[in-house]
Amino acid sequence: MAEKPLGKVSNFFEHISVAAIKLASDLKIGDTIRFLGGETDFEQKVESMQIHHAKVSKAKKGDEIGVKVAGKVRKGYKVLKI
């Protein structure tokens, strides 16, 4: 399955392992995403996401979301949808 650009990491909150992602396309719970940048390259399923601290099941292009991540990411890392 082809990967599509989803957005970029706009911030990372290490103490809670949450990445803020500025979306370039739609995303929903259950989608699989891949983080790519520096020495980081991992995939994970989206199990929960928030917009302004409110849980949501889907988000659209232009939204900025928070997603709990399995690894360390940095601002500017690419996020792909698998």
N, C-alpha and C. Protein backbone atom coordinates (compact mmCIF):
# COMPACT_ATOMS: atom_id res chain seq x y z
N MET A 1 0.85 -1.19 0.00
CA MET A 1 0.00 0.00 0.00
C MET A 1 0.89 1.25 0.00
N ALA A 2 0.54 2.21 -0.79
CA ALA A 2 1.36 3.42 -0.92
C ALA A 2 1.18 4.34 0.29
N GLU A 3 2.28 4.93 0.69
CA GLU A 3 2.22 5.91 1.79
C GLU A 3 1.89 7.27 1.21
N LYS A 4 1.10 8.04 1.97
CA LYS A 4 0.75 9.40 1.54
C LYS A 4 1.21 10.38 2.60
N PRO A 5 1.72 11.53 2.17
CA PRO A 5 2.10 12.56 3.16
C PRO A 5 0.88 12.94 4.01
N LEU A 6 1.07 12.96 5.32
CA LEU A 6 -0.03 13.30 6.23
C LEU A 6 0.18 14.66 6.88
N GLY A 7 1.45 15.02 7.09
CA GLY A 7 1.74 16.30 7.73
C GLY A 7 3.12 16.29 8.32
N LYS A 8 3.35 17.24 9.23
CA LYS A 8 4.64 17.35 9.90
C LYS A 8 4.45 17.52 11.40
N VAL A 9 5.43 17.06 12.15
CA VAL A 9 5.42 17.25 13.60
C VAL A 9 5.68 18.73 13.86
N SER A 10 4.77 19.39 14.58
CA SER A 10 4.95 20.81 14.88
C SER A 10 5.49 21.02 16.30
N ASN A 11 5.40 19.97 17.14
CA ASN A 11 5.93 20.05 18.50
C ASN A 11 5.97 18.64 19.08
N PHE A 12 6.81 18.43 20.09
CA PHE A 12 6.87 17.14 20.78
C PHE A 12 6.97 17.39 22.27
N PHE A 13 6.08 16.75 23.01
CA PHE A 13 6.05 16.89 24.46
C PHE A 13 6.59 15.59 25.06
N GLU A 14 7.90 15.59 25.32
CA GLU A 14 8.60 14.38 25.73
C GLU A 14 8.06 13.77 27.03
N HIS A 15 7.73 14.62 28.00
CA HIS A 15 7.28 14.12 29.31
C HIS A 15 5.98 13.33 29.24
N ILE A 16 5.18 13.53 28.19
CA ILE A 16 3.93 12.77 28.04
C ILE A 16 3.92 11.98 26.72
N SER A 17 5.02 11.99 25.99
CA SER A 17 5.16 11.26 24.71
C SER A 17 4.03 11.58 23.73
N VAL A 18 3.79 12.87 23.55
CA VAL A 18 2.74 13.31 22.62
C VAL A 18 3.36 14.20 21.54
N ALA A 19 3.00 13.88 20.29
CA ALA A 19 3.44 14.70 19.16
C ALA A 19 2.28 15.56 18.69
N ALA A 20 2.54 16.83 18.45
CA ALA A 20 1.57 17.71 17.82
C ALA A 20 1.85 17.63 16.32
N ILE A 21 0.81 17.37 15.54
CA ILE A 21 0.97 17.19 14.10
C ILE A 21 0.03 18.14 13.36
N LYS A 22 0.59 18.90 12.44
CA LYS A 22 -0.20 19.77 11.57
C LYS A 22 -0.57 18.93 10.35
N LEU A 23 -1.86 18.68 10.17
CA LEU A 23 -2.32 17.76 9.13
C LEU A 23 -2.40 18.38 7.74
N ALA A 24 -1.92 17.63 6.75
CA ALA A 24 -2.03 18.02 5.35
C ALA A 24 -3.10 17.16 4.66
N SER A 25 -3.65 16.19 5.38
CA SER A 25 -4.77 15.37 4.88
C SER A 25 -5.52 14.81 6.08
N ASP A 26 -6.65 14.16 5.82
CA ASP A 26 -7.52 13.67 6.88
C ASP A 26 -6.93 12.46 7.60
N LEU A 27 -7.34 12.28 8.85
CA LEU A 27 -6.85 11.16 9.67
C LEU A 27 -7.98 10.73 10.61
N LYS A 28 -8.04 9.42 10.89
CA LYS A 28 -9.04 8.92 11.82
C LYS A 28 -8.44 7.86 12.73
N ILE A 29 -9.10 7.59 13.85
CA ILE A 29 -8.66 6.54 14.78
C ILE A 29 -8.60 5.23 14.00
N GLY A 30 -7.54 4.47 14.24
CA GLY A 30 -7.38 3.19 13.56
C GLY A 30 -6.45 3.24 12.37
N ASP A 31 -6.18 4.46 11.85
CA ASP A 31 -5.23 4.61 10.75
C ASP A 31 -3.82 4.30 11.25
N THR A 32 -2.96 3.84 10.34
CA THR A 32 -1.56 3.61 10.68
C THR A 32 -0.73 4.74 10.11
N ILE A 33 0.17 5.28 10.95
CA ILE A 33 1.01 6.39 10.51
C ILE A 33 2.49 6.03 10.70
N ARG A 34 3.34 6.73 9.97
CA ARG A 34 4.78 6.50 10.05
C ARG A 34 5.48 7.83 10.29
N PHE A 35 6.39 7.84 11.24
CA PHE A 35 7.20 9.02 11.54
C PHE A 35 8.57 8.84 10.91
N LEU A 36 9.05 9.87 10.21
CA LEU A 36 10.30 9.77 9.47
C LEU A 36 11.09 11.06 9.63
N GLY A 37 12.32 10.94 10.12
CA GLY A 37 13.19 12.11 10.26
C GLY A 37 14.39 11.78 11.11
N GLY A 38 15.52 12.38 10.81
CA GLY A 38 16.73 12.09 11.56
C GLY A 38 17.01 10.60 11.53
N GLU A 39 17.18 10.00 12.70
CA GLU A 39 17.37 8.55 12.78
C GLU A 39 16.08 7.85 13.16
N THR A 40 14.99 8.59 13.16
CA THR A 40 13.70 8.04 13.55
C THR A 40 12.95 7.53 12.34
N ASP A 41 12.41 6.32 12.46
CA ASP A 41 11.58 5.73 11.42
C ASP A 41 10.77 4.62 12.07
N PHE A 42 9.52 4.93 12.44
CA PHE A 42 8.67 3.90 13.04
C PHE A 42 7.22 4.12 12.64
N GLU A 43 6.47 3.03 12.73
CA GLU A 43 5.05 3.05 12.41
C GLU A 43 4.26 2.78 13.67
N GLN A 44 3.04 3.30 13.70
CA GLN A 44 2.13 2.98 14.80
C GLN A 44 0.70 3.24 14.38
N LYS A 45 -0.21 2.57 15.06
CA LYS A 45 -1.63 2.76 14.82
C LYS A 45 -2.10 3.93 15.68
N VAL A 46 -2.97 4.76 15.15
CA VAL A 46 -3.52 5.89 15.92
C VAL A 46 -4.62 5.34 16.82
N GLU A 47 -4.36 5.35 18.13
CA GLU A 47 -5.33 4.82 19.09
C GLU A 47 -6.16 5.91 19.74
N SER A 48 -5.59 7.12 19.80
CA SER A 48 -6.35 8.26 20.32
C SER A 48 -5.71 9.54 19.80
N MET A 49 -6.52 10.56 19.67
CA MET A 49 -5.99 11.87 19.28
C MET A 49 -6.87 12.95 19.88
N GLN A 50 -6.27 14.13 19.99
CA GLN A 50 -6.99 15.25 20.59
C GLN A 50 -6.78 16.52 19.76
N ILE A 51 -7.79 17.37 19.81
CA ILE A 51 -7.69 18.72 19.26
C ILE A 51 -8.04 19.65 20.41
N HIS A 52 -7.11 20.51 20.80
CA HIS A 52 -7.30 21.43 21.94
C HIS A 52 -7.76 20.67 23.19
N HIS A 53 -7.09 19.55 23.49
CA HIS A 53 -7.33 18.74 24.69
C HIS A 53 -8.67 18.03 24.70
N ALA A 54 -9.40 18.03 23.59
CA ALA A 54 -10.67 17.30 23.49
C ALA A 54 -10.46 16.08 22.60
N LYS A 55 -10.88 14.90 23.08
CA LYS A 55 -10.72 13.68 22.29
C LYS A 55 -11.59 13.75 21.04
N VAL A 56 -11.02 13.32 19.91
CA VAL A 56 -11.75 13.28 18.65
C VAL A 56 -11.48 11.94 17.98
N SER A 57 -12.40 11.51 17.11
CA SER A 57 -12.22 10.24 16.40
C SER A 57 -11.69 10.46 14.99
N LYS A 58 -11.80 11.70 14.51
CA LYS A 58 -11.26 12.02 13.19
C LYS A 58 -10.87 13.49 13.14
N ALA A 59 -9.95 13.78 12.23
CA ALA A 59 -9.49 15.16 12.06
C ALA A 59 -9.30 15.41 10.57
N LYS A 60 -9.40 16.66 10.17
CA LYS A 60 -9.32 16.98 8.74
C LYS A 60 -8.08 17.82 8.42
N LYS A 61 -7.81 17.93 7.14
CA LYS A 61 -6.69 18.73 6.67
C LYS A 61 -6.73 20.12 7.30
N GLY A 62 -5.58 20.58 7.79
CA GLY A 62 -5.50 21.90 8.41
C GLY A 62 -5.58 21.87 9.93
N ASP A 63 -6.13 20.78 10.50
CA ASP A 63 -6.21 20.66 11.95
C ASP A 63 -4.82 20.41 12.53
N GLU A 64 -4.64 20.80 13.78
CA GLU A 64 -3.43 20.45 14.51
C GLU A 64 -3.86 19.53 15.64
N ILE A 65 -3.33 18.31 15.62
CA ILE A 65 -3.76 17.30 16.58
C ILE A 65 -2.63 16.88 17.49
N GLY A 66 -3.00 16.29 18.60
CA GLY A 66 -2.03 15.68 19.50
C GLY A 66 -2.22 14.17 19.46
N VAL A 67 -1.12 13.42 19.30
CA VAL A 67 -1.18 11.96 19.23
C VAL A 67 -0.11 11.39 20.15
N LYS A 68 -0.49 10.43 20.96
CA LYS A 68 0.47 9.71 21.81
C LYS A 68 1.36 8.89 20.88
N VAL A 69 2.68 8.99 21.06
CA VAL A 69 3.60 8.30 20.16
C VAL A 69 4.46 7.28 20.90
N ALA A 70 4.88 6.26 20.16
CA ALA A 70 5.65 5.15 20.73
C ALA A 70 7.14 5.45 20.83
N GLY A 71 7.60 6.49 20.12
CA GLY A 71 9.02 6.83 20.14
C GLY A 71 9.22 8.33 20.17
N LYS A 72 10.50 8.72 20.21
CA LYS A 72 10.82 10.15 20.21
C LYS A 72 10.74 10.71 18.80
N VAL A 73 10.15 11.88 18.67
CA VAL A 73 10.11 12.59 17.39
C VAL A 73 10.56 14.03 17.64
N ARG A 74 10.83 14.73 16.58
CA ARG A 74 11.23 16.13 16.70
C ARG A 74 10.42 16.99 15.75
N LYS A 75 10.39 18.27 16.05
CA LYS A 75 9.71 19.25 15.20
C LYS A 75 10.27 19.14 13.78
N GLY A 76 9.37 19.12 12.80
CA GLY A 76 9.78 19.06 11.39
C GLY A 76 9.81 17.66 10.81
N TYR A 77 9.74 16.63 11.64
CA TYR A 77 9.72 15.26 11.12
C TYR A 77 8.48 15.06 10.27
N LYS A 78 8.64 14.26 9.20
CA LYS A 78 7.51 13.96 8.32
C LYS A 78 6.62 12.91 8.96
N VAL A 79 5.33 13.03 8.67
CA VAL A 79 4.36 12.02 9.12
C VAL A 79 3.66 11.54 7.86
N LEU A 80 3.67 10.23 7.67
CA LEU A 80 3.04 9.61 6.49
C LEU A 80 1.88 8.74 6.93
N LYS A 81 0.88 8.63 6.07
CA LYS A 81 -0.26 7.75 6.34
C LYS A 81 -0.07 6.49 5.49
N ILE A 82 -0.17 5.34 6.12
CA ILE A 82 0.07 4.07 5.42
C ILE A 82 -1.26 3.46 4.99
